[in-house]
PDB file of N, CA and C in Angstrom:
ATOM      1  N   MET A   1       0.274  -9.336   3.468  1.00  0.00           N
ATOM      2  CA  MET A   1       1.584  -9.020   2.959  1.00  0.00           C
ATOM      3  C   MET A   1       2.647  -8.378   4.073  1.00  0.00           C
ATOM      4  N   LEU A   2       2.130  -7.341   4.432  1.00  0.00           N
ATOM      5  CA  LEU A   2       2.687  -6.550   5.704  1.00  0.00           C
ATOM      6  C   LEU A   2       3.075  -7.470   6.760  1.00  0.00           C
ATOM      7  N   SER A   3       2.529  -8.270   7.067  1.00  0.00           N
ATOM      8  CA  SER A   3       2.738  -9.074   8.244  1.00  0.00           C
ATOM      9  C   SER A   3       3.878 -10.015   7.995  1.00  0.00           C
ATOM     10  N   TRP A   4       4.084 -10.782   6.826  1.00  0.00           N
ATOM     11  CA  TRP A   4       5.082 -11.644   6.640  1.00  0.00           C
ATOM     12  C   TRP A   4       6.205 -10.989   5.868  1.00  0.00           C
ATOM     13  N   CYS A   5       6.207  -9.545   5.517  1.00  0.00           N
ATOM     14  CA  CYS A   5       7.327  -9.040   4.805  1.00  0.00           C
ATOM     15  C   CYS A   5       7.943  -7.784   5.265  1.00  0.00           C
ATOM     16  N   GLN A   6       7.396  -7.703   6.719  1.00  0.00           N
ATOM     17  CA  GLN A   6       7.757  -6.369   7.352  1.00  0.00           C
ATOM     18  C   GLN A   6       9.340  -6.156   7.705  1.00  0.00           C
ATOM     19  N   HIS A   7       9.868  -7.442   7.785  1.00  0.00           N
ATOM     20  CA  HIS A   7      11.552  -7.359   7.936  1.00  0.00           C
ATOM     21  C   HIS A   7      12.272  -7.028   6.760  1.00  0.00           C
ATOM     22  N   LEU A   8      11.652  -6.881   5.537  1.00  0.00           N
ATOM     23  CA  LEU A   8      12.399  -6.667   4.231  1.00  0.00           C
ATOM     24  C   LEU A   8      12.801  -5.318   3.965  1.00  0.00           C
ATOM     25  N   PRO A   9      11.821  -4.232   4.323  1.00  0.00           N
ATOM     26  CA  PRO A   9      12.421  -2.822   4.128  1.00  0.00           C
ATOM     27  C   PRO A   9      13.113  -2.381   5.293  1.00  0.00           C
ATOM     28  N   LYS A  10      14.088  -1.383   4.907  1.00  0.00           N
ATOM     29  CA  LYS A  10      14.780  -0.389   6.170  1.00  0.00           C
ATOM     30  C   LYS A  10      13.746   0.073   7.235  1.00  0.00           C
ATOM     31  N   LYS A  11      14.148   0.022   8.282  1.00  0.00           N
ATOM     32  CA  LYS A  11      13.114   0.621   9.341  1.00  0.00           C
ATOM     33  C   LYS A  11      13.145   2.195   9.151  1.00  0.00           C
ATOM     34  N   ASN A  12      14.300   2.893   8.693  1.00  0.00           N
ATOM     35  CA  ASN A  12      14.397   4.400   8.413  1.00  0.00           C
ATOM     36  C   ASN A  12      14.374   4.787   7.174  1.00  0.00           C
ATOM     37  N   GLY A  13      13.074   4.964   6.502  1.00  0.00           N
ATOM     38  CA  GLY A  13      13.048   5.257   5.113  1.00  0.00           C
ATOM     39  C   GLY A  13      12.512   4.249   4.196  1.00  0.00           C
ATOM     40  N   GLY A  14      12.523   2.920   4.763  1.00  0.00           N
ATOM     41  CA  GLY A  14      12.178   1.905   3.876  1.00  0.00           C
ATOM     42  C   GLY A  14      10.644   1.968   3.563  1.00  0.00           C
ATOM     43  N   GLN A  15      10.072   1.531   2.385  1.00  0.00           N
ATOM     44  CA  GLN A  15       8.705   1.695   1.926  1.00  0.00           C
ATOM     45  C   GLN A  15       8.293   0.216   1.177  1.00  0.00           C
ATOM     46  N   PHE A  16       7.045  -0.056   1.488  1.00  0.00           N
ATOM     47  CA  PHE A  16       6.252  -0.952   0.577  1.00  0.00           C
ATOM     48  C   PHE A  16       5.517  -0.403  -0.567  1.00  0.00           C
ATOM     49  N   TYR A  17       5.658  -0.973  -1.706  1.00  0.00           N
ATOM     50  CA  TYR A  17       4.800  -0.531  -2.690  1.00  0.00           C
ATOM     51  C   TYR A  17       3.888  -1.564  -3.157  1.00  0.00           C
ATOM     52  N   ALA A  18       2.489  -1.192  -2.960  1.00  0.00           N
ATOM     53  CA  ALA A  18       1.670  -2.253  -3.321  1.00  0.00           C
ATOM     54  C   ALA A  18       0.501  -2.018  -4.353  1.00  0.00           C
ATOM     55  N   LEU A  19       0.388  -2.641  -5.310  1.00  0.00           N
ATOM     56  CA  LEU A  19      -0.606  -2.411  -6.484  1.00  0.00           C
ATOM     57  C   LEU A  19      -2.019  -3.021  -5.881  1.00  0.00           C
ATOM     58  N   LYS A  20      -2.926  -2.238  -6.027  1.00  0.00           N
ATOM     59  CA  LYS A  20      -4.332  -2.612  -5.489  1.00  0.00           C
ATOM     60  C   LYS A  20      -5.358  -2.458  -6.383  1.00  0.00           C
ATOM     61  N   GLY A  21      -6.284  -3.041  -6.431  1.00  0.00           N
ATOM     62  CA  GLY A  21      -7.606  -2.957  -7.334  1.00  0.00           C
ATOM     63  C   GLY A  21      -8.559  -2.008  -6.494  1.00  0.00           C
ATOM     64  N   ILE A  22      -9.623  -2.639  -5.958  1.00  0.00           N
ATOM     65  CA  ILE A  22     -10.423  -2.068  -5.145  1.00  0.00           C
ATOM     66  C   ILE A  22      -9.727  -1.687  -3.920  1.00  0.00           C
ATOM     67  N   LEU A  23      -9.783  -0.205  -3.417  1.00  0.00           N
ATOM     68  CA  LEU A  23      -9.090  -0.050  -2.154  1.00  0.00           C
ATOM     69  C   LEU A  23     -10.304   0.487  -1.281  1.00  0.00           C
ATOM     70  N   SER A  24     -10.599  -0.483  -0.316  1.00  0.00           N
ATOM     71  CA  SER A  24     -11.554  -0.161   0.699  1.00  0.00           C
ATOM     72  C   SER A  24     -11.161   0.577   1.903  1.00  0.00           C
ATOM     73  N   ALA A  25     -11.895   1.422   2.729  1.00  0.00           N
ATOM     74  CA  ALA A  25     -11.587   2.013   3.945  1.00  0.00           C
ATOM     75  C   ALA A  25     -11.408   0.910   5.037  1.00  0.00           C
ATOM     76  N   ASN A  26     -12.228   0.085   4.935  1.00  0.00           N
ATOM     77  CA  ASN A  26     -12.174  -1.290   5.792  1.00  0.00           C
ATOM     78  C   ASN A  26     -10.873  -2.064   5.879  1.00  0.00           C
ATOM     79  N   GLU A  27     -10.469  -2.194   4.433  1.00  0.00           N
ATOM     80  CA  GLU A  27      -9.023  -2.771   4.521  1.00  0.00           C
ATOM     81  C   GLU A  27      -7.928  -1.896   5.094  1.00  0.00           C
ATOM     82  N   ILE A  28      -7.966  -0.728   4.728  1.00  0.00           N
ATOM     83  CA  ILE A  28      -6.943   0.221   5.166  1.00  0.00           C
ATOM     84  C   ILE A  28      -7.004   0.150   6.910  1.00  0.00           C
ATOM     85  N   LEU A  29      -8.062   0.155   7.654  1.00  0.00           N
ATOM     86  CA  LEU A  29      -8.217  -0.119   8.948  1.00  0.00           C
ATOM     87  C   LEU A  29      -7.608  -1.081   9.437  1.00  0.00           C
ATOM     88  N   THR A  30      -7.379  -2.415   8.606  1.00  0.00           N
ATOM     89  CA  THR A  30      -6.709  -3.490   9.013  1.00  0.00           C
ATOM     90  C   THR A  30      -5.233  -3.311   9.193  1.00  0.00           C
ATOM     91  N   PHE A  31      -4.670  -2.518   8.504  1.00  0.00           N
ATOM     92  CA  PHE A  31      -3.045  -2.361   8.363  1.00  0.00           C
ATOM     93  C   PHE A  31      -2.752  -2.314   9.813  1.00  0.00           C
ATOM     94  N   SER A  32      -1.440  -2.842  10.124  1.00  0.00           N
ATOM     95  CA  SER A  32      -0.861  -2.760  11.427  1.00  0.00           C
ATOM     96  C   SER A  32      -0.550  -1.364  11.709  1.00  0.00           C
ATOM     97  N   SER A  33      -0.655  -1.111  13.265  1.00  0.00           N
ATOM     98  CA  SER A  33      -0.214   0.178  13.537  1.00  0.00           C
ATOM     99  C   SER A  33       1.178   0.656  13.456  1.00  0.00           C
ATOM    100  N   ASN A  34       2.034  -0.484  12.814  1.00  0.00           N
ATOM    101  CA  ASN A  34       3.593  -0.298  12.558  1.00  0.00           C
ATOM    102  C   ASN A  34       3.717   0.466  11.335  1.00  0.00           C
ATOM    103  N   PHE A  35       2.414   0.596  10.439  1.00  0.00           N
ATOM    104  CA  PHE A  35       2.584   1.138   9.147  1.00  0.00           C
ATOM    105  C   PHE A  35       1.776   2.433   8.973  1.00  0.00           C
ATOM    106  N   LYS A  36       2.260   3.321   8.223  1.00  0.00           N
ATOM    107  CA  LYS A  36       1.324   4.434   7.652  1.00  0.00           C
ATOM    108  C   LYS A  36       1.342   4.607   6.087  1.00  0.00           C
ATOM    109  N   ILE A  37       0.175   5.033   5.688  1.00  0.00           N
ATOM    110  CA  ILE A  37       0.323   5.201   4.206  1.00  0.00           C
ATOM    111  C   ILE A  37       0.889   6.521   4.068  1.00  0.00           C
ATOM    112  N   ASN A  38       1.897   6.490   3.103  1.00  0.00           N
ATOM    113  CA  ASN A  38       2.599   7.732   2.611  1.00  0.00           C
ATOM    114  C   ASN A  38       1.849   8.353   1.496  1.00  0.00           C
ATOM    115  N   LYS A  39       1.338   7.622   0.518  1.00  0.00           N
ATOM    116  CA  LYS A  39       0.625   8.092  -0.442  1.00  0.00           C
ATOM    117  C   LYS A  39      -0.123   7.079  -1.110  1.00  0.00           C
ATOM    118  N   ILE A  40      -1.218   7.449  -1.830  1.00  0.00           N
ATOM    119  CA  ILE A  40      -2.245   6.422  -2.739  1.00  0.00           C
ATOM    120  C   ILE A  40      -2.377   7.368  -4.085  1.00  0.00           C
ATOM    121  N   ILE A  41      -1.921   6.558  -4.913  1.00  0.00           N
ATOM    122  CA  ILE A  41      -1.785   7.349  -6.503  1.00  0.00           C
ATOM    123  C   ILE A  41      -2.925   6.350  -7.313  1.00  0.00           C
ATOM    124  N   SER A  42      -3.863   7.104  -7.773  1.00  0.00           N
ATOM    125  CA  SER A  42      -4.830   6.498  -8.882  1.00  0.00           C
ATOM    126  C   SER A  42      -4.208   6.212 -10.017  1.00  0.00           C
ATOM    127  N   LEU A  43      -4.043   5.082 -10.883  1.00  0.00           N
ATOM    128  CA  LEU A  43      -3.368   4.668 -11.970  1.00  0.00           C
ATOM    129  C   LEU A  43      -4.642   4.694 -12.894  1.00  0.00           C
ATOM    130  N   ASP A  44      -4.265   4.986 -14.167  1.00  0.00           N
ATOM    131  CA  ASP A  44      -4.762   4.744 -15.504  1.00  0.00           C
ATOM    132  C   ASP A  44      -4.203   3.728 -16.202  1.00  0.00           C
ATOM    133  N   VAL A  45      -4.629   2.521 -16.354  1.00  0.00           N
ATOM    134  CA  VAL A  45      -4.127   1.560 -17.089  1.00  0.00           C
ATOM    135  C   VAL A  45      -4.872   1.552 -18.496  1.00  0.00           C
ATOM    136  N   PRO A  46      -4.124   1.604 -19.558  1.00  0.00           N
ATOM    137  CA  PRO A  46      -4.796   1.348 -20.812  1.00  0.00           C
ATOM    138  C   PRO A  46      -5.429   0.168 -20.998  1.00  0.00           C
ATOM    139  N   GLU A  47      -6.683   0.262 -21.658  1.00  0.00           N
ATOM    140  CA  GLU A  47      -7.541  -0.867 -22.047  1.00  0.00           C
ATOM    141  C   GLU A  47      -8.028  -1.615 -20.896  1.00  0.00           C
ATOM    142  N   LEU A  48      -7.917  -0.939 -19.739  1.00  0.00           N
ATOM    143  CA  LEU A  48      -8.634  -1.679 -18.404  1.00  0.00           C
ATOM    144  C   LEU A  48      -9.563  -0.492 -17.849  1.00  0.00           C
ATOM    145  N   ASP A  49     -10.789  -0.986 -17.867  1.00  0.00           N
ATOM    146  CA  ASP A  49     -12.002  -0.341 -17.134  1.00  0.00           C
ATOM    147  C   ASP A  49     -12.059  -0.378 -15.717  1.00  0.00           C
ATOM    148  N   GLU A  50     -11.062  -0.820 -14.875  1.00  0.00           N
ATOM    149  CA  GLU A  50     -11.245  -1.120 -13.520  1.00  0.00           C
ATOM    150  C   GLU A  50     -10.140  -0.312 -12.793  1.00  0.00           C
ATOM    151  N   GLN A  51     -10.554   0.017 -11.410  1.00  0.00           N
ATOM    152  CA  GLN A  51      -9.812   0.692 -10.419  1.00  0.00           C
ATOM    153  C   GLN A  51      -8.539   0.008 -10.314  1.00  0.00           C
ATOM    154  N   ARG A  52      -7.451   0.977 -10.340  1.00  0.00           N
ATOM    155  CA  ARG A  52      -6.061   0.373  -9.981  1.00  0.00           C
ATOM    156  C   ARG A  52      -5.431   1.543  -9.095  1.00  0.00           C
ATOM    157  N   TYR A  53      -4.658   1.204  -7.985  1.00  0.00           N
ATOM    158  CA  TYR A  53      -3.972   2.294  -7.221  1.00  0.00           C
ATOM    159  C   TYR A  53      -2.461   1.677  -6.858  1.00  0.00           C
ATOM    160  N   LEU A  54      -1.782   2.637  -6.614  1.00  0.00           N
ATOM    161  CA  LEU A  54      -0.402   2.310  -6.177  1.00  0.00           C
ATOM    162  C   LEU A  54      -0.605   2.896  -4.698  1.00  0.00           C
ATOM    163  N   VAL A  55      -0.210   1.976  -3.736  1.00  0.00           N
ATOM    164  CA  VAL A  55      -0.374   2.357  -2.130  1.00  0.00           C
ATOM    165  C   VAL A  55       1.122   2.321  -1.797  1.00  0.00           C
ATOM    166  N   ILE A  56       1.685   3.506  -1.192  1.00  0.00           N
ATOM    167  CA  ILE A  56       2.923   3.520  -0.646  1.00  0.00           C
ATOM    168  C   ILE A  56       2.865   3.562   0.735  1.00  0.00           C
ATOM    169  N   LEU A  57       3.290   2.456   1.380  1.00  0.00           N
ATOM    170  CA  LEU A  57       3.428   2.456   2.989  1.00  0.00           C
ATOM    171  C   LEU A  57       4.837   2.525   3.401  1.00  0.00           C
ATOM    172  N   GLY A  58       4.849   3.214   4.695  1.00  0.00           N
ATOM    173  CA  GLY A  58       6.137   3.362   5.488  1.00  0.00           C
ATOM    174  C   GLY A  58       5.886   2.975   6.811  1.00  0.00           C
ATOM    175  N   PHE A  59       6.967   2.786   7.777  1.00  0.00           N
ATOM    176  CA  PHE A  59       6.976   2.491   9.038  1.00  0.00           C
ATOM    177  C   PHE A  59       6.584   3.981   9.835  1.00  0.00           C
ATOM    178  N   ASN A  60       5.752   3.512  10.972  1.00  0.00           N
ATOM    179  CA  ASN A  60       5.334   4.694  11.723  1.00  0.00           C
ATOM    180  C   ASN A  60       6.698   4.816  12.679  1.00  0.00           C
TER     181      ASN A  60
END
């Protein structure tokens, strides 16, 4: 997503919001160095017994 959508948010203050299931350290390491993780929020989804996260990414 980051590689083909990086032109969409503003360079100053623009962010990506990504809904993730399993969030692995290996996947985070594959993010482009153009981006940084601003925040990871654990979500509780009613009637769902699986992990869900909201990952907020910004530009470096």
